[in-house]
Amino acid sequence: ACRTGTLWETRNLPPFAARAAQILYADRGDVTVPDIDWPAWTADRPLAQSRIRAGHPIATVFGEGADSDTAFKQSEDRLQSLADLIYSSDIRDLKETIHARA
């Protein structure tokens, strides 16, 4: 900053006034992480076939919005969507495995 005469660099960030982050926990029981296309609004994603024990964190989910309430609501909706995706995919994988063994 002293050499360039500026105290910060201009960054191109999305035009959201508020952001929220929440952690998805394995609150529906143990889960084997399916091989899914992870949404861009997630982070801290485990590898496919990782076994997550009940109550442990699975991933981080982000939301954005014009204000904190909107950002939080979006993160809540995304949290639910991701949980549904992970648990429904895990059940499908389990059924396919059982069917393949029969």
Protein backbone atom coordinates (compact mmCIF):
# COMPACT_ATOMS: atom_id res chain seq x y z
CA ALA A 1 0.00 0.00 0.00
CA CYS A 2 2.82 2.41 0.77
CA ARG A 3 4.49 1.84 -2.58
CA THR A 4 1.38 2.21 -4.70
CA GLY A 5 -0.24 5.02 -2.76
CA THR A 6 -3.46 3.07 -2.21
CA LEU A 7 -4.65 1.38 0.93
CA TRP A 8 -6.65 -1.32 -0.80
CA GLU A 9 -7.32 -2.84 -4.17
CA THR A 10 -10.67 -2.63 -5.87
CA ARG A 11 -12.25 -6.08 -6.12
CA ASN A 12 -15.14 -7.10 -8.30
CA LEU A 13 -17.57 -8.71 -5.88
CA PRO A 14 -21.15 -9.67 -6.69
CA PRO A 15 -23.60 -6.86 -5.89
CA PHE A 16 -25.07 -8.41 -2.76
CA ALA A 17 -25.50 -6.34 0.36
CA ALA A 18 -25.61 -9.35 2.67
CA ARG A 19 -24.24 -12.86 2.81
CA ALA A 20 -25.00 -15.81 5.08
CA ALA A 21 -23.25 -19.10 5.74
CA GLN A 22 -24.56 -22.18 7.48
CA ILE A 23 -23.26 -25.68 8.05
CA LEU A 24 -25.20 -28.72 6.93
CA TYR A 25 -25.03 -31.44 9.57
CA ALA A 26 -25.92 -35.10 9.19
CA ASP A 27 -29.06 -34.61 11.25
CA ARG A 28 -31.01 -37.36 9.43
CA GLY A 29 -28.56 -40.05 10.48
CA ASP A 30 -25.34 -41.49 9.10
CA VAL A 31 -24.82 -40.88 5.40
CA THR A 32 -22.41 -42.00 2.71
CA VAL A 33 -21.69 -38.98 0.55
CA PRO A 34 -22.91 -39.67 -2.97
CA ASP A 35 -21.00 -38.74 -6.11
CA ILE A 36 -22.94 -35.56 -6.92
CA ASP A 37 -22.35 -32.33 -8.78
CA TRP A 38 -21.94 -29.96 -5.86
CA PRO A 39 -23.69 -26.59 -6.22
CA ALA A 40 -21.41 -23.55 -6.53
CA TRP A 41 -22.91 -22.14 -3.31
CA THR A 42 -21.28 -24.89 -1.21
CA ALA A 43 -17.83 -25.29 0.33
CA ASP A 44 -15.98 -27.72 2.60
CA ARG A 45 -17.33 -30.62 0.56
CA PRO A 46 -16.35 -34.17 1.48
CA LEU A 47 -15.15 -36.65 -1.11
CA ALA A 48 -17.68 -39.01 -2.66
CA GLN A 49 -18.15 -42.21 -0.66
CA SER A 50 -17.04 -40.52 2.58
CA ARG A 51 -19.03 -41.80 5.53
CA ILE A 52 -20.42 -38.98 7.70
CA ARG A 53 -21.67 -39.98 11.13
CA ALA A 54 -24.94 -38.61 12.49
CA GLY A 55 -24.52 -35.13 13.95
CA HIS A 56 -21.27 -34.38 12.15
CA PRO A 57 -20.84 -31.57 9.57
CA ILE A 58 -21.26 -32.37 5.88
CA ALA A 59 -20.67 -29.05 4.07
CA THR A 60 -21.00 -25.27 4.24
CA VAL A 61 -23.85 -23.55 2.40
CA PHE A 62 -23.95 -19.87 1.38
CA GLY A 63 -26.78 -17.46 0.68
CA GLU A 64 -26.86 -13.89 -0.63
CA GLY A 65 -29.43 -11.15 -0.71
CA ALA A 66 -30.32 -7.51 -0.47
CA ASP A 67 -30.45 -7.75 3.35
CA SER A 68 -29.51 -10.20 6.09
CA ASP A 69 -33.01 -11.71 6.31
CA THR A 70 -33.04 -12.48 2.59
CA ALA A 71 -29.53 -13.93 2.68
CA PHE A 72 -30.39 -16.09 5.68
CA LYS A 73 -33.61 -17.33 4.05
CA GLN A 74 -31.73 -18.27 0.89
CA SER A 75 -29.11 -20.15 2.90
CA GLU A 76 -31.92 -21.98 4.75
CA ASP A 77 -33.56 -22.99 1.45
CA ARG A 78 -30.23 -24.12 0.04
CA LEU A 79 -29.46 -26.06 3.23
CA GLN A 80 -32.70 -28.00 2.79
CA SER A 81 -32.08 -28.56 -0.93
CA LEU A 82 -28.59 -29.90 -0.29
CA ALA A 83 -29.76 -32.18 2.52
CA ASP A 84 -32.50 -33.57 0.26
CA LEU A 85 -29.99 -34.10 -2.56
CA ILE A 86 -27.46 -35.87 -0.35
CA TYR A 87 -29.91 -38.08 1.51
CA SER A 88 -32.03 -38.98 -1.53
CA SER A 89 -28.91 -39.82 -3.55
CA ASP A 90 -27.58 -41.90 -0.64
CA ILE A 91 -30.83 -43.90 -0.55
CA ARG A 92 -30.74 -44.46 -4.33
CA ASP A 93 -27.12 -45.64 -4.10
CA LEU A 94 -28.04 -48.02 -1.27
CA LYS A 95 -30.97 -49.47 -3.25
CA GLU A 96 -28.76 -49.93 -6.33
CA THR A 97 -26.13 -51.70 -4.23
CA ILE A 98 -28.71 -54.03 -2.68
CA HIS A 99 -30.25 -54.73 -6.10
CA ALA A 100 -26.83 -55.47 -7.62
CA ARG A 101 -26.05 -57.98 -4.84
CA ALA A 102 -29.38 -59.80 -5.23
